[in-house]
Amino acid sequence: MTAINAPRDKYNAVWLIFFILGLGTLLPWNFFMTASAYFTSRLKDPVTTTLNLTGNETVGGGDTRSVLESKFNNVMTLCAMVPLLIFTCLNSFIHQRVSQKLRILGSLCVIFVVFLITAIMVKVNIEPMSFFSVTMIKIICINSFGAVLQGSLFGLAGILPATYTTPIMSGQGLAGTFAAFSMICALASGSALQDSAFGYFITACAVILVAIMSYFVLPKMEFFQYYIESNGSNPTAEEENKMDLLKKEGSTEKKPVMNLTEDEGRPTVSVLNIFKQIWVMALSVCFIFTVTIGTFPAVTADVKSTVANGGAWETYFLPVSCFLLFNLMDWAGRSLTAVCMWPGKDSKLLPIFVILRIVFIPLFILCNVKPRHHFPVLFLHDAWYITFMIFFAFSNGYLASLCMCFGPKKVAPHEAETAGAIMAFFLSLGLALGASVSFAFRAIC
């Protein structure tokens, strides 16, 4: 079977399903991250007033937050990204032992249950330390299963044409946009924060249910069945005839034509050999997310508006300028790869552009981050922050999507699924490294 004979993806149904599943991979993390205002409101110390070193109440630029509030973003990021890395690595080993259906469907069901519990907990009064601990456990849980889901999807997309990695990346970009927009709508509703949060998390449950139903439909698509069968473990009749011919030729010439496994008659897959072919793409996507997660949201979420004076813009500044703008531009960057893939997979410009993103770290640190203790504020006006955010987010989405698309296409077709899993691991490694260095980036402000 060849790609020339492949059936059409009618109504782009498979593309759309991968988009919805991509949405489901990052939606949980984005909903937790964007709802930081709700979580920190539950962490306020109701008794103790923060005092400065002289014993007076802290005023002006001082940090009046409780310890749990001030550390929430950093600890949340760490609790999300380290399990993501560990379970993405684990998925690289279990993807041939645990069925694809169990990995994908099971992960989605667990994520759904965690969100349902989160929505219920909105209505339950819990003291701050217990709430903090339970929230971190939930974040660890959703990102552990989210890692298995993400790695499985990228491996699955590696079997299909290169353009089918794009809907996963685009869906992930929409996840953040959807979460940020939902939070802004909740704020605009004028409801109490807890009531808004309840509706917010119930909305997430509904989206995860849609993703579960979409996955049930996927195996019924003729286009999807074609590529799964042509790359499956059971060879087709045509492939069996070719292998029989190779065996006959080999018996007379005593010279192997290709390296075949003894039990399946298929080419062996070496993780090390695959990595040697895709290491530039793998390290590039790792570096992209190290810079991104090291800065967002640990540094960017603490930038204060210099234009607002207690008005509506002060309320909406971070939800719009930080979360919504980042996710919109990130989504735009990821989606652009559906129509444009420049520079090419062998171009030296791609890793150069990736390395240049390091400039965003000092740019955001020198914005109006509060509280700060070391560096002066060079970019005071809100316009600077918004401009940096546009280029920061767009470059993240576009370059990361290019790397994830190109990685599996630099190897042989039978190695594509493993290459996709390796790329997903290095993506998660970048997220974990970013979470680790975020403490340092925030501390030097």
Protein backbone atom coordinates (compact mmCIF):
# COMPACT_ATOMS: atom_id res chain seq x y z
CA MET A 1 0.00 0.00 0.00
CA THR A 2 1.27 3.46 -0.79
CA ALA A 3 0.25 6.96 0.17
CA ILE A 4 -0.87 7.47 -3.44
CA ASN A 5 -3.64 4.94 -2.88
CA ALA A 6 -4.62 6.38 0.50
CA PRO A 7 -8.29 7.35 0.93
CA ARG A 8 -9.20 11.00 1.45
CA ASP A 9 -9.82 12.42 4.88
CA LYS A 10 -13.49 13.20 4.22
CA TYR A 11 -14.59 16.53 5.67
CA ASN A 12 -11.18 16.67 7.43
CA ALA A 13 -12.80 14.52 10.13
CA VAL A 14 -9.55 12.86 11.29
CA TRP A 15 -7.80 16.26 11.34
CA LEU A 16 -10.62 17.66 13.48
CA ILE A 17 -10.54 14.71 15.89
CA PHE A 18 -6.79 15.12 16.41
CA PHE A 19 -7.45 18.82 17.00
CA ILE A 20 -10.01 18.02 19.72
CA LEU A 21 -7.69 15.44 21.31
CA GLY A 22 -4.85 17.99 21.24
CA LEU A 23 -7.20 20.40 22.98
CA GLY A 24 -7.77 17.75 25.66
CA THR A 25 -4.04 17.28 26.36
CA LEU A 26 -3.31 20.83 27.53
CA LEU A 27 -6.76 22.00 28.60
CA PRO A 28 -6.36 20.69 32.19
CA TRP A 29 -3.04 22.44 32.77
CA ASN A 30 -4.24 25.69 31.22
CA PHE A 31 -7.44 25.73 33.27
CA PHE A 32 -5.47 25.32 36.49
CA MET A 33 -2.87 27.90 35.47
CA THR A 34 -5.40 30.52 34.27
CA ALA A 35 -7.50 30.09 37.43
CA SER A 36 -4.56 31.15 39.62
CA ALA A 37 -6.62 34.09 40.97
CA TYR A 38 -9.22 31.66 42.33
CA PHE A 39 -6.62 29.34 43.84
CA THR A 40 -4.61 32.13 45.48
CA SER A 41 -7.84 33.60 46.89
CA ARG A 42 -8.29 30.32 48.78
CA LEU A 43 -4.75 30.56 50.13
CA LYS A 44 -4.98 33.92 51.88
CA ASP A 45 -4.08 33.93 55.57
CA PRO A 46 -7.26 35.12 57.31
CA VAL A 47 -5.50 35.96 60.59
CA THR A 48 -1.93 37.07 60.13
CA THR A 49 -1.06 40.51 58.73
CA THR A 50 2.19 40.64 56.83
CA LEU A 51 4.72 42.83 58.62
CA ASN A 52 7.98 44.31 57.45
CA LEU A 53 11.26 44.11 59.34
CA THR A 54 10.44 47.15 61.51
CA GLY A 55 7.16 45.60 62.69
CA ASN A 56 4.94 47.95 60.65
CA GLU A 57 2.45 46.84 58.01
CA THR A 58 4.05 46.43 54.62
CA VAL A 59 3.02 49.13 52.17
CA GLY A 60 3.91 50.30 48.68
CA GLY A 61 6.00 47.82 46.70
CA GLY A 62 6.23 45.25 49.51
CA ASP A 63 4.87 41.73 49.18
CA THR A 64 1.75 41.45 51.36
CA ARG A 65 0.90 37.95 50.18
CA SER A 66 1.00 34.86 52.37
CA VAL A 67 3.81 32.34 51.80
CA LEU A 68 1.41 29.94 50.05
CA GLU A 69 0.17 32.71 47.74
CA SER A 70 3.65 33.92 46.80
CA LYS A 71 4.93 30.41 46.00
CA PHE A 72 1.80 29.10 44.30
CA ASN A 73 2.78 29.79 40.66
CA ASN A 74 6.28 28.34 41.02
CA VAL A 75 5.23 25.23 42.94
CA MET A 76 2.26 24.68 40.62
CA THR A 77 4.55 24.80 37.57
CA LEU A 78 7.03 22.39 39.18
CA CYS A 79 4.27 19.96 40.24
CA ALA A 80 2.95 20.03 36.68
CA MET A 81 6.12 19.70 34.65
CA VAL A 82 8.16 17.14 36.60
CA PRO A 83 5.40 14.47 36.49
CA LEU A 84 4.87 15.40 32.84
CA LEU A 85 8.52 14.57 32.14
CA ILE A 86 8.53 11.34 34.16
CA PHE A 87 5.36 9.93 32.65
CA THR A 88 6.27 10.98 29.12
CA CYS A 89 9.49 9.00 29.58
CA LEU A 90 7.48 6.10 31.01
CA ASN A 91 5.14 6.22 28.01
CA SER A 92 8.14 5.73 25.70
CA PHE A 93 8.62 2.29 27.29
CA ILE A 94 5.00 1.20 27.82
CA HIS A 95 3.55 2.31 24.47
CA GLN A 96 4.37 -1.10 22.97
CA ARG A 97 3.08 -3.01 26.01
CA VAL A 98 -0.10 -1.13 26.93
CA SER A 99 -2.80 -0.74 24.29
CA GLN A 100 -3.25 2.63 22.65
CA LYS A 101 -6.94 2.62 23.58
CA LEU A 102 -6.23 2.12 27.27
CA ARG A 103 -3.53 4.82 27.34
CA ILE A 104 -5.59 7.48 25.58
CA LEU A 105 -9.09 6.70 26.83
CA GLY A 106 -7.93 5.89 30.36
CA SER A 107 -6.00 9.16 30.62
CA LEU A 108 -8.97 11.22 29.43
CA CYS A 109 -11.29 9.54 31.95
CA VAL A 110 -8.93 10.20 34.87
CA ILE A 111 -8.57 13.85 33.85
CA PHE A 112 -12.35 14.17 33.68
CA VAL A 113 -12.73 12.78 37.22
CA VAL A 114 -10.08 15.16 38.59
CA PHE A 115 -11.87 18.16 37.09
CA LEU A 116 -15.17 16.96 38.50
CA ILE A 117 -13.59 16.76 41.96
CA THR A 118 -12.10 20.25 41.47
CA ALA A 119 -15.53 21.67 40.63
CA ILE A 120 -17.06 20.04 43.71
CA MET A 121 -14.26 21.37 45.94
CA VAL A 122 -15.16 24.94 44.92
CA LYS A 123 -18.19 24.59 47.20
CA VAL A 124 -16.26 23.02 50.10
CA ASN A 125 -14.47 25.12 52.73
CA ILE A 126 -10.94 23.87 53.40
CA GLU A 127 -8.16 25.55 55.37
CA PRO A 128 -5.38 27.04 53.15
CA MET A 129 -2.60 24.50 53.78
CA SER A 130 -4.87 21.50 53.08
CA PHE A 131 -6.31 23.21 49.99
CA PHE A 132 -2.78 23.93 48.72
CA SER A 133 -1.72 20.28 49.21
CA VAL A 134 -4.83 18.82 47.57
CA THR A 135 -4.51 21.24 44.63
CA MET A 136 -0.90 20.21 44.02
CA ILE A 137 -1.86 16.52 44.18
CA LYS A 138 -4.54 17.13 41.54
CA ILE A 139 -2.05 19.01 39.35
CA ILE A 140 0.41 16.12 39.63
CA CYS A 141 -2.36 13.67 38.71
CA ILE A 142 -3.70 15.49 35.63
CA ASN A 143 -0.22 16.16 34.26
CA SER A 144 0.91 12.55 34.81
CA PHE A 145 -2.00 11.20 32.79
CA GLY A 146 -1.80 14.18 30.43
CA ALA A 147 1.78 13.15 29.64
CA VAL A 148 0.69 9.62 28.69
CA LEU A 149 -2.10 11.11 26.57
CA GLN A 150 0.23 13.60 24.85
CA GLY A 151 2.97 11.07 24.15
CA SER A 152 0.46 8.56 22.79
CA LEU A 153 -1.12 11.15 20.48
CA PHE A 154 2.20 12.38 19.06
CA GLY A 155 3.26 8.78 18.48
CA LEU A 156 -0.04 8.07 16.74
CA ALA A 157 0.22 11.22 14.61
CA GLY A 158 3.74 10.19 13.57
CA ILE A 159 2.19 7.35 11.57
CA LEU A 160 -0.04 9.74 9.61
CA PRO A 161 1.19 12.42 7.15
CA ALA A 162 3.28 15.25 8.64
CA THR A 163 0.38 17.70 8.60
CA TYR A 164 -1.49 15.63 11.20
CA THR A 165 0.88 16.70 13.96
CA THR A 166 -0.29 20.28 13.34
CA PRO A 167 -3.87 19.76 14.63
CA ILE A 168 -2.51 18.39 17.92
CA MET A 169 -0.24 21.43 18.34
CA SER A 170 -3.03 23.76 17.24
CA GLY A 171 -5.50 22.12 19.62
CA GLN A 172 -3.02 22.56 22.46
CA GLY A 173 -2.74 26.23 21.55
CA LEU A 174 -6.51 26.62 21.58
CA ALA A 175 -6.62 24.98 25.02
CA GLY A 176 -4.88 27.97 26.55
CA THR A 177 -6.96 30.45 24.56
CA PHE A 178 -10.18 28.70 25.57
CA ALA A 179 -9.14 28.66 29.24
CA ALA A 180 -8.16 32.34 29.26
CA PHE A 181 -11.34 33.40 27.45
CA SER A 182 -13.47 31.35 29.85
CA MET A 183 -11.84 33.05 32.82
CA ILE A 184 -12.43 36.52 31.34
CA CYS A 185 -16.09 35.65 30.76
CA ALA A 186 -16.31 34.47 34.36
CA LEU A 187 -14.87 37.78 35.59
CA ALA A 188 -17.17 39.77 33.30
CA SER A 189 -20.24 37.93 34.59
CA GLY A 190 -19.96 39.80 37.87
CA SER A 191 -20.59 36.59 39.82
CA ALA A 192 -18.78 35.80 43.05
CA LEU A 193 -15.33 34.32 42.45
CA GLN A 194 -16.32 30.87 43.75
CA ASP A 195 -19.48 30.75 41.58
CA SER A 196 -17.44 31.74 38.53
CA ALA A 197 -14.83 29.08 39.32
CA PHE A 198 -17.50 26.38 39.60
CA GLY A 199 -18.87 27.16 36.13
CA TYR A 200 -15.29 27.41 34.85
CA PHE A 201 -14.35 23.88 35.91
CA ILE A 202 -17.68 22.38 34.81
CA THR A 203 -16.96 23.83 31.35
CA ALA A 204 -13.64 21.95 31.37
CA CYS A 205 -15.46 18.72 32.22
CA ALA A 206 -17.74 19.19 29.20
CA VAL A 207 -14.78 19.70 26.83
CA ILE A 208 -13.03 16.56 28.11
CA LEU A 209 -16.25 14.59 27.51
CA VAL A 210 -16.26 15.81 23.89
CA ALA A 211 -12.65 14.60 23.53
CA ILE A 212 -13.61 11.16 24.89
CA MET A 213 -16.48 10.84 22.40
CA SER A 214 -14.20 11.98 19.55
CA TYR A 215 -11.72 9.22 20.30
CA PHE A 216 -14.46 6.61 20.07
CA VAL A 217 -15.21 7.84 16.53
CA LEU A 218 -11.55 7.89 15.33
CA PRO A 219 -11.04 4.13 14.64
CA LYS A 220 -14.12 4.14 12.38
CA MET A 221 -12.52 6.63 9.95
CA GLU A 222 -11.34 4.95 6.72
CA PHE A 223 -8.44 7.39 6.35
CA PHE A 224 -7.20 6.59 9.86
CA GLN A 225 -7.65 2.82 9.38
CA TYR A 226 -5.53 2.88 6.22
CA TYR A 227 -2.43 4.34 7.90
CA ILE A 228 -2.80 2.24 11.04
CA GLU A 229 -3.03 -0.96 8.99
CA SER A 230 -0.14 -0.01 6.70
CA ASN A 231 2.10 0.68 9.71
CA GLY A 232 0.70 -2.01 11.99
CA SER A 233 2.53 -4.97 13.44
CA ASN A 234 0.80 -7.41 11.09
CA PRO A 235 2.20 -7.24 7.55
CA THR A 236 -0.16 -7.12 4.61
CA ALA A 237 -0.27 -9.90 2.00
CA GLU A 238 1.85 -7.77 -0.34
CA GLU A 239 4.49 -7.27 2.38
CA GLU A 240 4.51 -11.01 3.16
CA ASN A 241 5.19 -11.82 -0.53
CA LYS A 242 8.09 -9.34 -0.56
CA MET A 243 9.55 -10.88 2.61
CA ASP A 244 9.26 -14.39 1.15
CA LEU A 245 11.15 -13.18 -1.95
CA LEU A 246 13.87 -11.65 0.23
CA LYS A 247 14.25 -14.93 2.11
CA LYS A 248 14.65 -16.87 -1.15
CA GLU A 249 17.23 -14.42 -2.46
CA GLY A 250 19.02 -14.49 0.87
CA SER A 251 19.28 -18.29 0.80
CA THR A 252 21.22 -18.21 -2.49
CA GLU A 253 23.30 -15.07 -2.02
CA LYS A 254 23.82 -15.44 1.76
CA LYS A 255 23.67 -11.65 2.03
CA PRO A 256 20.92 -9.98 4.09
CA VAL A 257 19.00 -7.36 2.19
CA MET A 258 17.62 -5.69 5.31
CA ASN A 259 17.74 -6.12 9.07
CA LEU A 260 14.62 -8.05 10.10
CA THR A 261 13.49 -9.21 13.51
CA GLU A 262 13.15 -12.95 13.88
CA ASP A 263 9.64 -13.00 15.31
CA GLU A 264 7.79 -10.39 13.31
CA GLY A 265 9.76 -10.05 10.10
CA ARG A 266 9.87 -6.26 10.51
CA PRO A 267 12.82 -3.83 10.65
CA THR A 268 14.23 -3.38 14.15
CA VAL A 269 13.68 -0.02 15.81
CA SER A 270 16.62 1.44 17.72
CA VAL A 271 15.82 4.41 19.96
CA LEU A 272 19.47 5.51 19.89
CA ASN A 273 19.67 5.43 16.09
CA ILE A 274 16.41 7.36 15.82
CA PHE A 275 17.67 9.98 18.28
CA LYS A 276 20.84 10.43 16.20
CA GLN A 277 18.62 11.42 13.27
CA ILE A 278 16.29 13.77 15.16
CA TRP A 279 18.53 15.18 17.92
CA VAL A 280 18.51 18.72 16.50
CA MET A 281 14.69 18.80 16.51
CA ALA A 282 14.49 17.13 19.92
CA LEU A 283 16.92 19.54 21.62
CA SER A 284 15.32 22.49 19.84
CA VAL A 285 11.83 21.76 21.16
CA CYS A 286 13.34 21.16 24.60
CA PHE A 287 15.05 24.57 24.59
CA ILE A 288 11.92 26.33 23.31
CA PHE A 289 9.84 25.18 26.26
CA THR A 290 12.62 25.69 28.80
CA VAL A 291 12.64 29.39 27.92
CA THR A 292 8.84 29.60 27.74
CA ILE A 293 7.94 27.84 30.99
CA GLY A 294 10.87 29.41 32.82
CA THR A 295 9.31 32.80 32.12
CA PHE A 296 5.57 32.13 31.78
CA PRO A 297 3.73 32.37 34.13
CA ALA A 298 6.30 32.61 36.97
CA VAL A 299 7.60 36.03 35.83
CA THR A 300 4.97 37.28 33.41
CA ALA A 301 2.04 36.80 35.83
CA ASP A 302 3.66 39.18 38.34
CA VAL A 303 3.87 42.13 35.94
CA LYS A 304 1.68 45.05 37.08
CA SER A 305 -0.02 47.59 34.85
CA THR A 306 1.31 51.15 34.97
CA VAL A 307 -1.61 52.54 32.98
CA ALA A 308 -4.53 51.35 35.11
CA ASN A 309 -5.44 53.36 38.18
CA GLY A 310 -7.84 51.04 39.93
CA GLY A 311 -10.17 50.81 36.92
CA ALA A 312 -11.40 47.86 34.87
CA TRP A 313 -8.07 47.53 33.06
CA GLU A 314 -6.39 46.64 36.36
CA THR A 315 -8.82 43.73 36.75
CA TYR A 316 -8.40 42.51 33.18
CA PHE A 317 -4.72 43.38 32.62
CA LEU A 318 -3.26 39.95 33.44
CA PRO A 319 -6.15 37.82 32.12
CA VAL A 320 -5.99 39.68 28.79
CA SER A 321 -2.35 40.78 28.35
CA CYS A 322 -0.73 37.73 29.88
CA PHE A 323 -2.94 34.66 29.52
CA LEU A 324 -5.31 35.44 26.63
CA LEU A 325 -2.73 37.22 24.48
CA PHE A 326 -0.10 34.53 25.05
CA ASN A 327 -2.47 31.72 24.17
CA LEU A 328 -3.95 33.49 21.14
CA MET A 329 -0.54 34.19 19.62
CA ASP A 330 0.76 30.75 20.57
CA TRP A 331 -2.27 29.21 18.84
CA ALA A 332 -1.70 31.41 15.79
CA GLY A 333 1.93 30.27 15.60
CA ARG A 334 1.04 26.59 15.92
CA SER A 335 -1.74 26.88 13.33
CA LEU A 336 0.44 28.68 10.78
CA THR A 337 2.44 25.49 10.23
CA ALA A 338 -0.65 24.05 8.49
CA VAL A 339 0.05 26.37 5.53
CA CYS A 340 3.72 27.35 5.96
CA MET A 341 6.70 25.27 7.07
CA TRP A 342 9.67 27.61 6.82
CA PRO A 343 12.54 27.11 7.48
CA GLY A 344 12.80 23.51 6.30
CA LYS A 345 13.60 20.48 8.42
CA ASP A 346 17.28 20.49 7.40
CA SER A 347 17.78 24.27 7.58
CA LYS A 348 20.28 25.70 10.08
CA LEU A 349 18.03 28.74 10.53
CA LEU A 350 15.53 26.76 12.64
CA PRO A 351 17.90 26.03 15.58
CA ILE A 352 19.29 29.60 15.31
CA PHE A 353 15.79 31.08 15.70
CA VAL A 354 15.22 28.74 18.66
CA ILE A 355 18.37 29.93 20.46
CA LEU A 356 17.54 33.60 19.84
CA ARG A 357 14.39 33.24 21.97
CA ILE A 358 16.60 33.44 25.07
CA VAL A 359 16.43 37.24 24.72
CA PHE A 360 12.87 37.18 26.09
CA ILE A 361 14.10 36.23 29.57
CA PRO A 362 15.82 39.56 30.34
CA LEU A 363 13.14 41.50 28.46
CA PHE A 364 10.37 40.26 30.76
CA ILE A 365 12.51 40.55 33.90
CA LEU A 366 13.07 44.23 33.08
CA CYS A 367 9.31 44.86 32.77
CA ASN A 368 7.27 46.12 35.75
CA VAL A 369 7.44 42.87 37.75
CA LYS A 370 6.29 43.38 41.36
CA PRO A 371 7.64 42.82 43.94
CA ARG A 372 11.24 43.14 42.74
CA HIS A 373 14.53 43.49 44.60
CA HIS A 374 17.48 43.59 42.19
CA PHE A 375 17.10 44.89 38.65
CA PRO A 376 15.56 48.27 37.72
CA VAL A 377 12.43 48.55 35.57
CA LEU A 378 13.47 49.55 32.04
CA PHE A 379 10.22 48.75 30.22
CA LEU A 380 7.63 50.51 32.36
CA HIS A 381 4.72 51.06 29.99
CA ASP A 382 2.17 48.30 29.37
CA ALA A 383 2.80 48.52 25.62
CA TRP A 384 6.32 47.10 26.04
CA TYR A 385 5.02 44.09 27.93
CA ILE A 386 2.26 43.46 25.39
CA THR A 387 4.69 43.72 22.45
CA PHE A 388 7.15 41.29 24.04
CA MET A 389 4.29 38.88 24.80
CA ILE A 390 3.11 38.85 21.17
CA PHE A 391 6.53 37.85 19.77
CA PHE A 392 7.30 35.53 22.70
CA ALA A 393 4.07 33.56 22.29
CA PHE A 394 4.01 33.46 18.48
CA SER A 395 7.61 32.23 18.24
CA ASN A 396 6.89 29.57 20.87
CA GLY A 397 3.93 28.16 18.97
CA TYR A 398 5.41 28.35 15.47
CA LEU A 399 8.90 27.00 16.22
CA ALA A 400 7.66 24.26 18.55
CA SER A 401 5.10 23.10 16.00
CA LEU A 402 7.74 23.01 13.25
CA CYS A 403 10.03 20.86 15.39
CA MET A 404 7.24 18.45 16.36
CA CYS A 405 6.16 18.10 12.71
CA PHE A 406 9.67 17.60 11.32
CA GLY A 407 10.97 15.16 13.96
CA PRO A 408 9.03 12.02 12.92
CA LYS A 409 9.56 12.83 9.23
CA LYS A 410 13.37 12.64 9.48
CA VAL A 411 13.21 8.87 10.05
CA ALA A 412 11.87 5.83 8.18
CA PRO A 413 8.08 5.28 8.26
CA HIS A 414 8.28 2.28 10.63
CA GLU A 415 10.29 4.44 13.08
CA ALA A 416 7.88 7.39 13.02
CA GLU A 417 5.82 6.40 16.08
CA THR A 418 8.93 5.96 18.23
CA ALA A 419 10.33 9.26 16.90
CA GLY A 420 7.06 10.96 17.87
CA ALA A 421 7.32 9.53 21.40
CA ILE A 422 10.94 10.75 21.67
CA MET A 423 9.92 14.24 20.54
CA ALA A 424 7.13 14.26 23.13
CA PHE A 425 9.67 13.28 25.80
CA PHE A 426 12.00 16.16 24.93
CA LEU A 427 9.04 18.55 24.84
CA SER A 428 8.22 17.43 28.38
CA LEU A 429 11.88 17.66 29.38
CA GLY A 430 11.84 21.30 28.28
CA LEU A 431 8.71 21.92 30.36
CA ALA A 432 10.31 20.35 33.45
CA LEU A 433 13.58 22.27 33.00
CA GLY A 434 11.58 25.47 32.53
CA ALA A 435 9.65 24.81 35.74
CA SER A 436 12.94 24.29 37.60
CA VAL A 437 14.65 27.46 36.36
CA SER A 438 11.49 29.54 36.87
CA PHE A 439 12.39 29.87 40.56
CA ALA A 440 15.74 31.43 39.62
CA PHE A 441 14.24 33.73 36.95
CA ARG A 442 11.67 35.03 39.43
CA ALA A 443 14.21 35.43 42.24
CA ILE A 444 16.58 37.64 40.24
CA CYS A 445 13.90 40.25 39.42
